[in-house]
């Protein structure tokens, strides 16, 4: 079964940049639709971005133009480059995988569209 392990979270000031990584094991990242979600206490898990097996990307409006999702098939690693961070980006960020390589057709993918999850990494942005 595929395993996902996130890293790269931390604390930063508003306007800073961070890059999250998600290492995929027991499978190839190229086989999946890969996504990033985030969640704050008491709130639902929110879709952030996704990339399919053809490297087609999509973003939530809240991060469009600031975040960039990418993957390195040779390293089986997914990335989320986050620029221009804002305090409202503070959250636990989760890596997710959906088998089949094709991403959901929904405008806003649901967590249930993804079958595999990492443990999450905390990102805290101060003003």
N, C-alpha and C. Protein backbone atom coordinates (compact mmCIF):
# COMPACT_ATOMS: atom_id res chain seq x y z
N UNK A 1 0.84 -1.18 0.00
CA UNK A 1 0.00 0.00 0.00
C UNK A 1 0.88 1.24 0.00
N UNK A 2 0.48 2.23 -0.81
CA UNK A 2 1.27 3.44 -0.92
C UNK A 2 1.35 4.15 0.42
N UNK A 3 2.52 4.72 0.70
CA UNK A 3 2.72 5.50 1.92
C UNK A 3 3.19 6.88 1.55
N UNK A 4 2.70 7.87 2.29
CA UNK A 4 3.01 9.28 2.02
C UNK A 4 3.57 9.90 3.28
N UNK A 5 4.68 10.60 3.16
CA UNK A 5 5.30 11.26 4.31
C UNK A 5 5.64 12.70 3.93
N UNK A 6 4.99 13.66 4.62
CA UNK A 6 5.23 15.07 4.36
C UNK A 6 6.40 15.59 5.20
N UNK A 7 7.01 16.64 4.70
CA UNK A 7 8.04 17.35 5.43
C UNK A 7 8.10 18.78 4.90
N UNK A 8 8.82 19.63 5.62
CA UNK A 8 9.05 20.99 5.14
C UNK A 8 8.21 22.05 5.79
N UNK A 9 7.30 21.65 6.68
CA UNK A 9 6.52 22.66 7.38
C UNK A 9 7.37 23.43 8.38
N UNK A 10 6.77 24.42 8.98
CA UNK A 10 7.48 25.21 9.98
C UNK A 10 6.80 26.54 10.20
N UNK A 11 7.54 27.45 10.84
CA UNK A 11 7.02 28.78 11.14
C UNK A 11 7.75 29.81 10.29
N UNK A 12 7.02 30.83 9.87
CA UNK A 12 7.60 31.89 9.05
C UNK A 12 6.78 33.15 9.20
N UNK A 13 7.36 34.24 8.75
CA UNK A 13 6.67 35.52 8.76
C UNK A 13 5.84 35.66 7.49
N UNK A 14 4.82 36.50 7.56
CA UNK A 14 4.02 36.80 6.38
C UNK A 14 4.92 37.29 5.25
N UNK A 15 4.64 36.81 4.05
CA UNK A 15 5.44 37.18 2.89
C UNK A 15 6.55 36.21 2.58
N UNK A 16 6.83 35.32 3.50
CA UNK A 16 7.91 34.36 3.31
C UNK A 16 7.48 33.22 2.37
N UNK A 17 8.45 32.37 2.07
CA UNK A 17 8.20 31.20 1.23
C UNK A 17 8.58 29.93 1.99
N UNK A 18 7.85 28.87 1.74
CA UNK A 18 8.17 27.56 2.26
C UNK A 18 7.91 26.54 1.15
N UNK A 19 8.63 25.43 1.20
CA UNK A 19 8.36 24.34 0.26
C UNK A 19 8.09 23.06 1.04
N UNK A 20 6.93 22.50 0.81
CA UNK A 20 6.57 21.23 1.40
C UNK A 20 6.93 20.10 0.44
N UNK A 21 7.33 18.99 1.02
CA UNK A 21 7.63 17.79 0.24
C UNK A 21 6.77 16.64 0.73
N UNK A 22 6.50 15.71 -0.15
CA UNK A 22 5.76 14.49 0.19
C UNK A 22 6.42 13.32 -0.52
N UNK A 23 7.08 12.50 0.26
CA UNK A 23 7.75 11.33 -0.31
C UNK A 23 6.77 10.18 -0.41
N UNK A 24 6.72 9.58 -1.58
CA UNK A 24 5.82 8.46 -1.85
C UNK A 24 6.64 7.18 -1.86
N UNK A 25 6.19 6.18 -1.11
CA UNK A 25 6.88 4.90 -1.09
C UNK A 25 5.90 3.77 -1.38
N UNK A 26 6.44 2.66 -1.82
CA UNK A 26 5.68 1.47 -2.19
C UNK A 26 4.82 1.69 -3.42
N UNK A 27 5.10 2.74 -4.15
CA UNK A 27 4.38 3.03 -5.39
C UNK A 27 5.11 4.14 -6.11
N UNK A 28 4.67 4.42 -7.33
CA UNK A 28 5.26 5.52 -8.09
C UNK A 28 4.32 6.72 -8.09
N UNK A 29 4.88 7.88 -7.84
CA UNK A 29 4.07 9.09 -7.81
C UNK A 29 3.40 9.33 -9.16
N UNK A 30 3.98 8.77 -10.22
CA UNK A 30 3.43 8.98 -11.56
C UNK A 30 2.13 8.20 -11.79
N UNK A 31 1.80 7.28 -10.91
CA UNK A 31 0.59 6.47 -11.07
C UNK A 31 -0.66 7.16 -10.53
N UNK A 32 -0.50 8.26 -9.81
CA UNK A 32 -1.58 8.83 -9.03
C UNK A 32 -1.89 10.26 -9.42
N UNK A 33 -3.15 10.64 -9.14
CA UNK A 33 -3.45 12.05 -8.99
C UNK A 33 -2.98 12.41 -7.58
N UNK A 34 -2.12 13.41 -7.47
CA UNK A 34 -1.57 13.82 -6.19
C UNK A 34 -2.12 15.18 -5.79
N UNK A 35 -2.43 15.32 -4.53
CA UNK A 35 -3.01 16.58 -4.08
C UNK A 35 -2.49 17.04 -2.74
N UNK A 36 -2.72 18.31 -2.47
CA UNK A 36 -2.46 18.89 -1.15
C UNK A 36 -3.78 19.43 -0.60
N UNK A 37 -4.02 19.13 0.66
CA UNK A 37 -5.14 19.67 1.41
C UNK A 37 -4.58 20.36 2.64
N UNK A 38 -5.42 21.15 3.29
CA UNK A 38 -5.04 21.73 4.57
C UNK A 38 -6.24 21.77 5.49
N UNK A 39 -5.95 21.80 6.78
CA UNK A 39 -7.02 21.76 7.77
C UNK A 39 -6.60 22.50 9.02
N UNK A 40 -7.51 23.33 9.52
CA UNK A 40 -7.33 24.00 10.81
C UNK A 40 -8.32 23.41 11.80
N UNK A 41 -8.03 23.52 13.10
CA UNK A 41 -8.90 22.91 14.12
C UNK A 41 -10.34 23.38 13.99
N UNK A 42 -11.26 22.42 14.01
CA UNK A 42 -12.68 22.72 13.94
C UNK A 42 -13.22 22.95 12.55
N UNK A 43 -12.35 22.86 11.56
CA UNK A 43 -12.78 23.10 10.18
C UNK A 43 -12.59 21.85 9.33
N UNK A 44 -13.29 21.82 8.20
CA UNK A 44 -13.15 20.70 7.28
C UNK A 44 -11.82 20.81 6.54
N UNK A 45 -11.37 19.66 6.08
CA UNK A 45 -10.15 19.62 5.29
C UNK A 45 -10.42 20.30 3.95
N UNK A 46 -9.54 21.22 3.59
CA UNK A 46 -9.74 22.09 2.42
C UNK A 46 -8.75 21.72 1.32
N UNK A 47 -9.26 21.54 0.13
CA UNK A 47 -8.41 21.25 -1.01
C UNK A 47 -7.57 22.49 -1.38
N UNK A 48 -6.30 22.26 -1.68
CA UNK A 48 -5.38 23.34 -2.01
C UNK A 48 -4.93 23.27 -3.48
N UNK A 49 -4.47 22.10 -3.90
CA UNK A 49 -3.93 21.96 -5.26
C UNK A 49 -3.83 20.49 -5.60
N UNK A 50 -3.74 20.21 -6.90
CA UNK A 50 -3.56 18.83 -7.33
C UNK A 50 -2.82 18.79 -8.66
N UNK A 51 -2.22 17.64 -8.94
CA UNK A 51 -1.50 17.42 -10.19
C UNK A 51 -1.77 15.98 -10.63
N UNK A 52 -2.09 15.81 -11.91
CA UNK A 52 -2.41 14.47 -12.36
C UNK A 52 -1.20 13.80 -13.02
N UNK A 53 -1.41 12.62 -13.55
CA UNK A 53 -0.30 11.85 -14.11
C UNK A 53 0.28 12.49 -15.37
N UNK A 54 -0.45 13.46 -15.95
CA UNK A 54 0.05 14.18 -17.13
C UNK A 54 0.61 15.55 -16.75
N UNK A 55 0.75 15.78 -15.44
CA UNK A 55 1.28 17.04 -14.90
C UNK A 55 0.34 18.23 -15.10
N UNK A 56 -0.93 17.95 -15.31
CA UNK A 56 -1.92 19.01 -15.33
C UNK A 56 -2.20 19.43 -13.88
N UNK A 57 -2.19 20.72 -13.63
CA UNK A 57 -2.34 21.22 -12.27
C UNK A 57 -3.61 22.06 -12.13
N UNK A 58 -4.11 22.07 -10.91
CA UNK A 58 -5.25 22.93 -10.55
C UNK A 58 -5.02 23.46 -9.16
N UNK A 59 -5.61 24.64 -8.89
CA UNK A 59 -5.42 25.29 -7.59
C UNK A 59 -6.73 25.85 -7.07
N UNK A 60 -6.82 25.87 -5.75
CA UNK A 60 -7.90 26.60 -5.12
C UNK A 60 -7.68 28.09 -5.36
N UNK A 61 -8.78 28.84 -5.46
CA UNK A 61 -8.67 30.28 -5.72
C UNK A 61 -7.84 30.99 -4.65
N UNK A 62 -7.90 30.48 -3.43
CA UNK A 62 -7.23 31.15 -2.32
C UNK A 62 -5.70 31.09 -2.43
N UNK A 63 -5.17 30.19 -3.23
CA UNK A 63 -3.71 30.05 -3.34
C UNK A 63 -3.21 30.26 -4.76
N UNK A 64 -4.12 30.44 -5.70
CA UNK A 64 -3.72 30.58 -7.10
C UNK A 64 -2.80 31.78 -7.27
N UNK A 65 -1.70 31.57 -7.97
CA UNK A 65 -0.73 32.63 -8.18
C UNK A 65 0.32 32.73 -7.10
N UNK A 66 0.11 32.05 -5.98
CA UNK A 66 1.09 32.07 -4.87
C UNK A 66 1.73 30.70 -4.64
N UNK A 67 0.95 29.64 -4.83
CA UNK A 67 1.43 28.29 -4.59
C UNK A 67 1.65 27.58 -5.92
N UNK A 68 2.60 26.65 -5.93
CA UNK A 68 2.86 25.85 -7.12
C UNK A 68 3.07 24.40 -6.73
N UNK A 69 2.30 23.50 -7.32
CA UNK A 69 2.44 22.07 -7.07
C UNK A 69 3.28 21.47 -8.19
N UNK A 70 4.14 20.54 -7.82
CA UNK A 70 4.96 19.86 -8.82
C UNK A 70 5.36 18.50 -8.28
N UNK A 71 5.91 17.67 -9.14
CA UNK A 71 6.38 16.36 -8.69
C UNK A 71 7.61 15.94 -9.45
N UNK A 72 8.42 15.15 -8.81
CA UNK A 72 9.62 14.59 -9.40
C UNK A 72 9.41 13.09 -9.48
N UNK A 73 9.11 12.60 -10.68
CA UNK A 73 8.80 11.18 -10.82
C UNK A 73 10.01 10.30 -10.48
N UNK A 74 11.21 10.78 -10.77
CA UNK A 74 12.41 9.99 -10.49
C UNK A 74 12.63 9.83 -8.98
N UNK A 75 12.22 10.83 -8.21
CA UNK A 75 12.39 10.77 -6.76
C UNK A 75 11.11 10.35 -6.05
N UNK A 76 10.03 10.14 -6.83
CA UNK A 76 8.73 9.82 -6.23
C UNK A 76 8.37 10.80 -5.12
N UNK A 77 8.48 12.06 -5.42
CA UNK A 77 8.24 13.10 -4.44
C UNK A 77 7.34 14.18 -5.03
N UNK A 78 6.39 14.61 -4.22
CA UNK A 78 5.47 15.69 -4.55
C UNK A 78 5.91 16.93 -3.78
N UNK A 79 5.74 18.09 -4.40
CA UNK A 79 6.13 19.34 -3.75
C UNK A 79 4.98 20.34 -3.75
N UNK A 80 5.05 21.26 -2.80
CA UNK A 80 4.17 22.42 -2.81
C UNK A 80 5.04 23.63 -2.47
N UNK A 81 5.34 24.44 -3.46
CA UNK A 81 6.07 25.68 -3.24
C UNK A 81 5.07 26.75 -2.86
N UNK A 82 5.26 27.34 -1.70
CA UNK A 82 4.32 28.33 -1.17
C UNK A 82 5.04 29.66 -1.05
N UNK A 83 4.61 30.63 -1.83
CA UNK A 83 5.20 31.96 -1.81
C UNK A 83 4.17 32.98 -1.31
N UNK A 84 4.64 34.11 -0.87
CA UNK A 84 3.73 35.15 -0.41
C UNK A 84 2.80 34.66 0.68
N UNK A 85 3.34 33.93 1.64
CA UNK A 85 2.50 33.32 2.67
C UNK A 85 1.80 34.36 3.51
N UNK A 86 0.58 34.01 3.90
CA UNK A 86 -0.27 34.88 4.70
C UNK A 86 -0.63 34.18 6.00
N UNK A 87 -0.98 34.94 7.05
CA UNK A 87 -1.40 34.28 8.30
C UNK A 87 -2.55 33.29 8.08
N UNK A 88 -3.43 33.56 7.14
CA UNK A 88 -4.55 32.65 6.89
C UNK A 88 -4.12 31.35 6.21
N UNK A 89 -2.87 31.24 5.81
CA UNK A 89 -2.35 29.98 5.29
C UNK A 89 -1.92 29.04 6.42
N UNK A 90 -1.95 29.54 7.65
CA UNK A 90 -1.61 28.70 8.80
C UNK A 90 -2.55 27.51 8.86
N UNK A 91 -1.98 26.31 8.89
CA UNK A 91 -2.80 25.11 8.84
C UNK A 91 -1.89 23.89 8.94
N UNK A 92 -2.50 22.72 9.09
CA UNK A 92 -1.80 21.47 8.87
C UNK A 92 -2.01 21.09 7.40
N UNK A 93 -0.93 20.83 6.71
CA UNK A 93 -0.98 20.51 5.29
C UNK A 93 -0.80 19.00 5.10
N UNK A 94 -1.69 18.43 4.30
CA UNK A 94 -1.69 16.99 4.05
C UNK A 94 -1.47 16.70 2.58
N UNK A 95 -0.66 15.70 2.33
CA UNK A 95 -0.45 15.16 1.00
C UNK A 95 -1.45 14.02 0.79
N UNK A 96 -1.98 13.89 -0.42
CA UNK A 96 -2.97 12.86 -0.68
C UNK A 96 -2.76 12.27 -2.07
N UNK A 97 -3.17 11.02 -2.24
CA UNK A 97 -3.04 10.34 -3.52
C UNK A 97 -4.35 9.67 -3.90
N UNK A 98 -4.66 9.74 -5.19
CA UNK A 98 -5.87 9.13 -5.74
C UNK A 98 -5.40 8.17 -6.83
N UNK A 99 -5.75 6.92 -6.69
CA UNK A 99 -5.31 5.91 -7.64
C UNK A 99 -5.90 6.16 -9.03
N UNK A 100 -5.14 5.81 -10.06
CA UNK A 100 -5.63 5.88 -11.42
C UNK A 100 -5.02 6.99 -12.25
N UNK A 101 -4.40 7.96 -11.58
CA UNK A 101 -3.70 9.00 -12.35
C UNK A 101 -4.57 10.17 -12.76
N UNK A 102 -5.89 9.99 -12.76
CA UNK A 102 -6.79 11.08 -13.16
C UNK A 102 -7.38 11.73 -11.93
N UNK A 103 -7.44 13.05 -11.94
CA UNK A 103 -7.98 13.76 -10.80
C UNK A 103 -9.49 13.92 -10.94
N UNK A 104 -10.13 14.27 -9.86
CA UNK A 104 -11.57 14.47 -9.84
C UNK A 104 -11.97 15.58 -10.81
N UNK A 105 -13.18 15.47 -11.33
CA UNK A 105 -13.70 16.52 -12.21
C UNK A 105 -14.42 17.61 -11.43
N UNK A 106 -14.51 17.44 -10.13
CA UNK A 106 -15.21 18.46 -9.32
C UNK A 106 -14.43 19.78 -9.36
N UNK A 107 -15.17 20.88 -9.24
CA UNK A 107 -14.50 22.17 -9.12
C UNK A 107 -13.68 22.24 -7.85
N UNK A 108 -14.22 21.64 -6.79
CA UNK A 108 -13.54 21.60 -5.50
C UNK A 108 -13.45 20.14 -5.07
N UNK A 109 -12.34 19.48 -5.32
CA UNK A 109 -12.21 18.08 -4.92
C UNK A 109 -12.48 17.87 -3.44
N UNK A 110 -13.09 16.73 -3.13
CA UNK A 110 -13.38 16.38 -1.75
C UNK A 110 -12.25 15.53 -1.19
N UNK A 111 -12.05 15.55 0.12
CA UNK A 111 -11.08 14.61 0.70
C UNK A 111 -11.40 13.17 0.34
N UNK A 112 -12.68 12.85 0.23
CA UNK A 112 -13.07 11.49 -0.11
C UNK A 112 -12.69 11.06 -1.51
N UNK A 113 -12.27 12.01 -2.35
CA UNK A 113 -11.80 11.68 -3.70
C UNK A 113 -10.41 11.05 -3.66
N UNK A 114 -9.75 11.13 -2.53
CA UNK A 114 -8.39 10.61 -2.38
C UNK A 114 -8.37 9.47 -1.38
N UNK A 115 -7.66 8.40 -1.70
CA UNK A 115 -7.69 7.21 -0.87
C UNK A 115 -6.52 7.05 0.07
N UNK A 116 -5.47 7.85 -0.14
CA UNK A 116 -4.25 7.69 0.65
C UNK A 116 -3.81 9.06 1.16
N UNK A 117 -3.35 9.07 2.41
CA UNK A 117 -3.02 10.33 3.07
C UNK A 117 -1.72 10.22 3.85
N UNK A 118 -1.01 11.35 3.93
CA UNK A 118 0.11 11.45 4.83
C UNK A 118 -0.35 11.89 6.20
N UNK A 119 0.61 12.06 7.10
CA UNK A 119 0.28 12.38 8.49
C UNK A 119 0.12 13.87 8.72
N UNK A 120 0.54 14.69 7.75
CA UNK A 120 0.39 16.14 7.86
C UNK A 120 1.64 16.81 8.38
N UNK A 121 1.80 18.07 7.99
CA UNK A 121 2.90 18.89 8.48
C UNK A 121 2.36 20.29 8.77
N UNK A 122 2.76 20.84 9.92
CA UNK A 122 2.21 22.11 10.38
C UNK A 122 2.93 23.28 9.71
N UNK A 123 2.14 24.23 9.23
CA UNK A 123 2.66 25.50 8.71
C UNK A 123 2.03 26.61 9.52
N UNK A 124 2.87 27.47 10.10
CA UNK A 124 2.39 28.58 10.92
C UNK A 124 2.99 29.88 10.40
N UNK A 125 2.11 30.80 10.03
CA UNK A 125 2.55 32.08 9.48
C UNK A 125 2.10 33.20 10.40
N UNK A 126 3.05 34.00 10.83
CA UNK A 126 2.74 35.11 11.73
C UNK A 126 2.79 36.43 10.96
N UNK A 127 2.02 37.37 11.45
CA UNK A 127 1.94 38.68 10.76
C UNK A 127 3.02 39.63 11.22
